[in-house]
C-alpha atoms as a PDB file:
ATOM      1  CA  MET A   1      19.534  29.154   1.395  1.00  0.00           C
ATOM      2  CA  ALA A   2      19.310  27.156  -1.715  1.00  0.00           C
ATOM      3  CA  SER A   3      16.999  24.080  -1.720  1.00  0.00           C
ATOM      4  CA  ARG A   4      19.635  21.902  -3.351  1.00  0.00           C
ATOM      5  CA  GLY A   5      16.911  20.621  -5.657  1.00  0.00           C
ATOM      6  CA  LYS A   6      14.572  19.769  -2.985  1.00  0.00           C
ATOM      7  CA  THR A   7      11.852  22.443  -4.692  1.00  0.00           C
ATOM      8  CA  GLU A   8      12.778  21.075  -8.281  1.00  0.00           C
ATOM      9  CA  THR A   9      12.339  17.190  -7.035  1.00  0.00           C
ATOM     10  CA  ASN A  10       8.985  17.885  -5.293  1.00  0.00           C
ATOM     11  CA  LYS A  11       7.487  19.921  -8.525  1.00  0.00           C
ATOM     12  CA  LEU A  12       8.829  16.984 -10.529  1.00  0.00           C
ATOM     13  CA  LYS A  13       7.105  14.479  -8.202  1.00  0.00           C
ATOM     14  CA  GLN A  14       3.772  16.479  -8.069  1.00  0.00           C
ATOM     15  CA  ASN A  15       3.909  16.744 -12.006  1.00  0.00           C
ATOM     16  CA  LEU A  16       4.307  13.126 -12.190  1.00  0.00           C
ATOM     17  CA  GLU A  17       1.513  12.422  -9.905  1.00  0.00           C
ATOM     18  CA  ASP A  18      -0.660  14.799 -11.621  1.00  0.00           C
ATOM     19  CA  GLN A  19       0.109  12.918 -15.042  1.00  0.00           C
ATOM     20  CA  LEU A  20      -0.532   9.516 -13.552  1.00  0.00           C
ATOM     21  CA  ASP A  21      -3.637  10.740 -12.115  1.00  0.00           C
ATOM     22  CA  ARG A  22      -5.017  12.254 -15.550  1.00  0.00           C
ATOM     23  CA  LEU A  23      -4.140   8.906 -17.242  1.00  0.00           C
ATOM     24  CA  VAL A  24      -5.885   6.851 -14.516  1.00  0.00           C
ATOM     25  CA  GLN A  25      -8.788   9.158 -14.782  1.00  0.00           C
ATOM     26  CA  GLN A  26      -8.941   8.844 -18.549  1.00  0.00           C
ATOM     27  CA  LEU A  27      -9.267   5.013 -18.164  1.00  0.00           C
ATOM     28  CA  ALA A  28     -12.000   5.558 -15.359  1.00  0.00           C
ATOM     29  CA  ASP A  29     -13.815   7.878 -17.770  1.00  0.00           C
ATOM     30  CA  LEU A  30     -13.641   5.468 -20.658  1.00  0.00           C
ATOM     31  CA  GLU A  31     -15.046   2.781 -18.576  1.00  0.00           C
ATOM     32  CA  GLU A  32     -17.788   4.968 -17.462  1.00  0.00           C
ATOM     33  CA  CYS A  33     -18.741   6.114 -20.908  1.00  0.00           C
ATOM     34  CA  ARG A  34     -18.353   2.226 -22.485  1.00  0.00           C
ATOM     35  CA  ASP A  35     -22.056   2.117 -23.436  1.00  0.00           C
ATOM     36  CA  GLU A  36     -21.727   5.399 -25.240  1.00  0.00           C
ATOM     37  CA  LEU A  37     -19.105   4.451 -27.611  1.00  0.00           C
ATOM     38  CA  ASP A  38     -19.111   1.646 -30.120  1.00  0.00           C
ATOM     39  CA  ASP A  39     -16.819  -1.231 -29.619  1.00  0.00           C
ATOM     40  CA  GLU A  40     -14.006   0.016 -32.084  1.00  0.00           C
ATOM     41  CA  GLU A  41     -13.969   3.288 -30.649  1.00  0.00           C
ATOM     42  CA  TYR A  42     -13.503   2.132 -27.061  1.00  0.00           C
ATOM     43  CA  GLU A  43     -10.956  -0.057 -27.891  1.00  0.00           C
ATOM     44  CA  GLU A  44      -9.094   2.369 -29.637  1.00  0.00           C
ATOM     45  CA  THR A  45      -9.139   4.861 -26.957  1.00  0.00           C
ATOM     46  CA  LYS A  46      -8.371   2.307 -24.359  1.00  0.00           C
ATOM     47  CA  ARG A  47      -5.302   1.243 -26.549  1.00  0.00           C
ATOM     48  CA  ASP A  48      -4.347   5.078 -26.886  1.00  0.00           C
ATOM     49  CA  THR A  49      -4.372   5.448 -23.123  1.00  0.00           C
ATOM     50  CA  LEU A  50      -2.635   2.282 -22.427  1.00  0.00           C
ATOM     51  CA  GLU A  51       0.143   3.555 -24.947  1.00  0.00           C
ATOM     52  CA  GLN A  52       0.385   6.760 -22.922  1.00  0.00           C
ATOM     53  CA  LEU A  53       1.029   4.798 -19.888  1.00  0.00           C
ATOM     54  CA  GLN A  54       3.602   2.782 -21.468  1.00  0.00           C
ATOM     55  CA  GLU A  55       5.429   5.864 -22.693  1.00  0.00           C
ATOM     56  CA  PHE A  56       5.172   7.407 -19.082  1.00  0.00           C
ATOM     57  CA  LYS A  57       6.552   4.298 -17.899  1.00  0.00           C
ATOM     58  CA  ASP A  58       9.243   4.443 -20.046  1.00  0.00           C
ATOM     59  CA  SER A  59       9.972   8.026 -19.137  1.00  0.00           C
ATOM     60  CA  LEU A  60       9.953   6.893 -15.288  1.00  0.00           C
ATOM     61  CA  ASP A  61      12.327   4.014 -16.125  1.00  0.00           C
ATOM     62  CA  LYS A  62      14.953   6.664 -17.542  1.00  0.00           C
ATOM     63  CA  MET A  63      14.479   8.858 -14.586  1.00  0.00           C
ATOM     64  CA  LEU A  64      15.220   6.275 -12.275  1.00  0.00           C
ATOM     65  CA  LYS A  65      18.287   5.020 -13.831  1.00  0.00           C
ATOM     66  CA  GLY A  66      19.505   8.740 -13.936  1.00  0.00           C
ATOM     67  CA  ASP A  67      18.462  10.226 -10.270  1.00  0.00           C
ATOM     68  CA  MET A  68      18.240   7.868  -7.579  1.00  0.00           C
ATOM     69  CA  SER A  69      17.258  10.344  -5.275  1.00  0.00           C
ATOM     70  CA  LEU A  70      13.546   9.946  -6.591  1.00  0.00           C
ATOM     71  CA  VAL A  71      13.720   6.097  -6.478  1.00  0.00           C
ATOM     72  CA  ASP A  72      11.082   5.640  -3.696  1.00  0.00           C
ATOM     73  CA  GLN A  73       8.625   8.144  -5.126  1.00  0.00           C
ATOM     74  CA  LEU A  74       8.998   6.919  -8.620  1.00  0.00           C
ATOM     75  CA  ASN A  75       8.853   3.253  -7.773  1.00  0.00           C
ATOM     76  CA  GLY A  76       5.249   3.307  -6.546  1.00  0.00           C
ATOM     77  CA  MET A  77       4.149   5.021  -9.701  1.00  0.00           C
ATOM     78  CA  GLN A  78       6.162   2.576 -11.816  1.00  0.00           C
ATOM     79  CA  LEU A  79       4.610  -0.612 -10.313  1.00  0.00           C
ATOM     80  CA  ALA A  80       1.086   1.190 -10.698  1.00  0.00           C
ATOM     81  CA  ILE A  81       1.507   1.906 -14.146  1.00  0.00           C
ATOM     82  CA  GLN A  82       3.122  -1.554 -14.869  1.00  0.00           C
ATOM     83  CA  ALA A  83      -0.161  -3.058 -13.169  1.00  0.00           C
ATOM     84  CA  ALA A  84      -2.314  -0.841 -15.466  1.00  0.00           C
ATOM     85  CA  ILE A  85      -0.389  -1.781 -18.648  1.00  0.00           C
ATOM     86  CA  SER A  86      -0.295  -5.558 -17.729  1.00  0.00           C
ATOM     87  CA  GLN A  87      -4.106  -5.116 -17.109  1.00  0.00           C
ATOM     88  CA  ALA A  88      -3.393  -6.760 -13.855  1.00  0.00           C
ATOM     89  CA  PHE A  89      -5.650  -4.249 -12.281  1.00  0.00           C
ATOM     90  CA  LYS A  90      -8.826  -3.408 -14.083  1.00  0.00           C
ATOM     91  CA  THR A  91      -9.965  -0.920 -11.375  1.00  0.00           C
ATOM     92  CA  PRO A  92      -8.880   2.712 -12.023  1.00  0.00           C
ATOM     93  CA  GLU A  93      -9.734   3.495  -8.245  1.00  0.00           C
ATOM     94  CA  VAL A  94      -7.371   0.596  -7.065  1.00  0.00           C
ATOM     95  CA  ILE A  95      -4.582   1.862  -9.291  1.00  0.00           C
ATOM     96  CA  ARG A  96      -4.950   5.299  -8.098  1.00  0.00           C
ATOM     97  CA  MET A  97      -5.010   4.374  -4.287  1.00  0.00           C
ATOM     98  CA  PHE A  98      -1.931   2.091  -4.919  1.00  0.00           C
ATOM     99  CA  ALA A  99       0.032   4.736  -6.755  1.00  0.00           C
ATOM    100  CA  LYS A 100      -0.339   7.191  -3.975  1.00  0.00           C
ATOM    101  CA  LYS A 101       0.243   4.386  -1.313  1.00  0.00           C
ATOM    102  CA  GLN A 102      -3.023   4.824   0.616  1.00  0.00           C
ATOM    103  CA  PRO A 103      -3.387   1.048   2.202  1.00  0.00           C
ATOM    104  CA  GLY A 104      -6.101   2.570   4.634  1.00  0.00           C
ATOM    105  CA  GLN A 105      -8.284   3.551   1.783  1.00  0.00           C
ATOM    106  CA  LEU A 106      -7.682   0.169   0.046  1.00  0.00           C
ATOM    107  CA  ARG A 107      -8.895  -1.578   3.398  1.00  0.00           C
ATOM    108  CA  ASP A 108     -11.947   0.716   3.422  1.00  0.00           C
ATOM    109  CA  ARG A 109     -12.535  -0.113  -0.024  1.00  0.00           C
ATOM    110  CA  LEU A 110     -12.154  -3.874   0.423  1.00  0.00           C
ATOM    111  CA  ALA A 111     -14.643  -3.538   3.556  1.00  0.00           C
ATOM    112  CA  GLU A 112     -17.114  -1.770   1.048  1.00  0.00           C
ATOM    113  CA  LEU A 113     -16.995  -4.444  -1.353  1.00  0.00           C
ATOM    114  CA  GLN A 114     -17.351  -7.241   0.814  1.00  0.00           C
ATOM    115  CA  ARG A 115     -20.550  -5.431   2.413  1.00  0.00           C
ATOM    116  CA  ASP A 116     -22.020  -4.936  -1.157  1.00  0.00           C
ATOM    117  CA  ALA A 117     -21.226  -8.433  -2.225  1.00  0.00           C
ATOM    118  CA  LYS A 118     -23.205  -9.920   0.875  1.00  0.00           C
ATOM    119  CA  ILE A 119     -26.260  -7.816   0.114  1.00  0.00           C
ATOM    120  CA  ASN A 120     -26.128  -8.550  -3.610  1.00  0.00           C
ATOM    121  CA  LYS A 121     -25.508  -4.937  -4.643  1.00  0.00           C
ATOM    122  CA  ILE A 122     -22.685  -6.042  -6.888  1.00  0.00           C
ATOM    123  CA  PRO A 123     -22.200  -9.169  -8.869  1.00  0.00           C
ATOM    124  CA  GLN A 124     -20.175 -11.868  -7.008  1.00  0.00           C
ATOM    125  CA  ASP A 125     -17.508 -11.985  -9.939  1.00  0.00           C
ATOM    126  CA  VAL A 126     -16.900  -8.324  -9.610  1.00  0.00           C
ATOM    127  CA  ALA A 127     -16.409  -8.373  -5.918  1.00  0.00           C
ATOM    128  CA  ILE A 128     -13.972 -11.301  -6.235  1.00  0.00           C
ATOM    129  CA  GLN A 129     -11.894  -9.311  -9.160  1.00  0.00           C
ATOM    130  CA  GLN A 130     -11.843  -6.027  -7.258  1.00  0.00           C
ATOM    131  CA  SER A 131     -11.012  -7.836  -3.938  1.00  0.00           C
ATOM    132  CA  VAL A 132      -8.141  -9.665  -5.541  1.00  0.00           C
ATOM    133  CA  GLU A 133      -6.824  -6.431  -7.050  1.00  0.00           C
ATOM    134  CA  ILE A 134      -6.885  -4.477  -3.546  1.00  0.00           C
ATOM    135  CA  LEU A 135      -5.496  -7.400  -1.756  1.00  0.00           C
ATOM    136  CA  THR A 136      -2.527  -7.476  -4.289  1.00  0.00           C
ATOM    137  CA  ALA A 137      -2.180  -3.935  -3.971  1.00  0.00           C
ATOM    138  CA  LEU A 138      -1.996  -4.194  -0.191  1.00  0.00           C
ATOM    139  CA  LYS A 139       0.744  -6.828  -0.277  1.00  0.00           C
ATOM    140  CA  LYS A 140       2.846  -4.728  -2.572  1.00  0.00           C
ATOM    141  CA  LEU A 141       2.495  -1.931  -0.394  1.00  0.00           C
ATOM    142  CA  GLY A 142       4.107  -4.030   2.340  1.00  0.00           C
ATOM    143  CA  GLU A 143       1.016  -4.502   4.564  1.00  0.00           C
ATOM    144  CA  ILE A 144       0.506  -7.822   6.310  1.00  0.00           C
ATOM    145  CA  LEU A 145      -2.325  -9.988   5.167  1.00  0.00           C
ATOM    146  CA  GLN A 146      -4.452 -11.850   7.486  1.00  0.00           C
ATOM    147  CA  PRO A 147      -3.970 -15.969   6.545  1.00  0.00           C
ATOM    148  CA  GLU A 148      -7.540 -16.214   5.149  1.00  0.00           C
ATOM    149  CA  GLU A 149      -6.851 -13.072   2.893  1.00  0.00           C
ATOM    150  CA  GLU A 150      -3.679 -14.779   1.629  1.00  0.00           C
ATOM    151  CA  ASP A 151      -5.607 -17.702   1.019  1.00  0.00           C
ATOM    152  CA  TYR A 152      -8.236 -15.829  -0.877  1.00  0.00           C
ATOM    153  CA  LEU A 153      -5.910 -14.196  -3.070  1.00  0.00           C
ATOM    154  CA  GLN A 154      -4.009 -17.343  -3.915  1.00  0.00           C
ATOM    155  CA  SER A 155      -7.256 -19.354  -4.967  1.00  0.00           C
ATOM    156  CA  ASN A 156      -8.576 -16.397  -6.871  1.00  0.00           C
ATOM    157  CA  SER A 157      -5.711 -14.373  -8.416  1.00  0.00           C
ATOM    158  CA  SER A 158      -5.633 -14.240 -12.245  1.00  0.00           C
ATOM    159  CA  ALA A 159      -2.645 -15.222 -14.579  1.00  0.00           C
ATOM    160  CA  SER A 160      -1.944 -11.169 -15.116  1.00  0.00           C
ATOM    161  CA  LEU A 161      -2.022 -10.355 -11.422  1.00  0.00           C
ATOM    162  CA  LYS A 162       0.444 -13.372 -10.880  1.00  0.00           C
ATOM    163  CA  LYS A 163       2.503 -12.046 -13.646  1.00  0.00           C
ATOM    164  CA  PHE A 164       2.460  -8.418 -12.076  1.00  0.00           C
ATOM    165  CA  GLU A 165       3.298  -9.657  -8.875  1.00  0.00           C
ATOM    166  CA  LYS A 166       6.274 -11.351 -10.278  1.00  0.00           C
ATOM    167  CA  VAL A 167       7.495  -8.391 -12.377  1.00  0.00           C
ATOM    168  CA  SER A 168       7.249  -6.037  -9.330  1.00  0.00           C
ATOM    169  CA  SER A 169       9.253  -8.297  -7.065  1.00  0.00           C
ATOM    170  CA  THR A 170      12.048  -8.374  -9.766  1.00  0.00           C
ATOM    171  CA  LEU A 171      11.758  -4.785 -10.171  1.00  0.00           C
ATOM    172  CA  GLY A 172      11.810  -4.090  -6.527  1.00  0.00           C
ATOM    173  CA  ASP A 173      14.970  -6.411  -6.112  1.00  0.00           C
ATOM    174  CA  GLN A 174      16.736  -4.331  -8.844  1.00  0.00           C
ATOM    175  CA  VAL A 175      15.789  -1.066  -7.133  1.00  0.00           C
ATOM    176  CA  LEU A 176      17.294  -2.402  -3.796  1.00  0.00           C
ATOM    177  CA  GLN A 177      20.546  -3.400  -5.561  1.00  0.00           C
ATOM    178  CA  VAL A 178      21.049  -0.145  -7.153  1.00  0.00           C
ATOM    179  CA  ALA A 179      19.893   1.708  -3.866  1.00  0.00           C
ATOM    180  CA  GLY A 180      22.448  -0.593  -1.815  1.00  0.00           C
ATOM    181  CA  SER A 181      25.240  -0.013  -4.192  1.00  0.00           C
ATOM    182  CA  GLN A 182      24.509   3.754  -4.166  1.00  0.00           C
ATOM    183  CA  VAL A 183      24.762   3.666  -0.281  1.00  0.00           C
ATOM    184  CA  GLN A 184      27.962   1.750  -0.285  1.00  0.00           C
ATOM    185  CA  ASN A 185      29.520   3.995  -2.827  1.00  0.00           C
ATOM    186  CA  ALA A 186      28.338   7.097  -0.489  1.00  0.00           C
ATOM    187  CA  ASN A 187      30.170   5.454   2.394  1.00  0.00           C
ATOM    188  CA  LYS A 188      33.521   5.152   0.653  1.00  0.00           C
END
């Protein structure tokens, strides 16, 4: 029996996830090796990786316009790439969990951060930055935040995270409009 494109769609989705993982890992490796690189080499490599992410995002945009059956899978990746490009998320681990829609792992990481901050294992500014990234990712994944988490997010969000939230909300509305019109057309 013919797969009617399911096999191809799954293969495309896997290839896209692999490419996103590779680019995010490249960013993580770059951060780990920062001390070994001079400033110019670090900035150039980071710029190249961000350009690759931008090209990847552009490819996803084209696919989203041409193949609505992939909207859900591609939309999550597109938001993760937008976050990386806008530098709203600085932690590759958070980008990866967000792209793979892993709210449970994000919650676990948030608990680890809070614990590490209490025992002064990590600097407070790092804990705040990563906690805000995780809470923003959880919110974008549709998780309901506790009132104290919402307050924490509002009081500690950076301009780039607020910009990402605004852009991703607009993008989500556009995707929903297109999907809605596709459903209406299918029902005719």
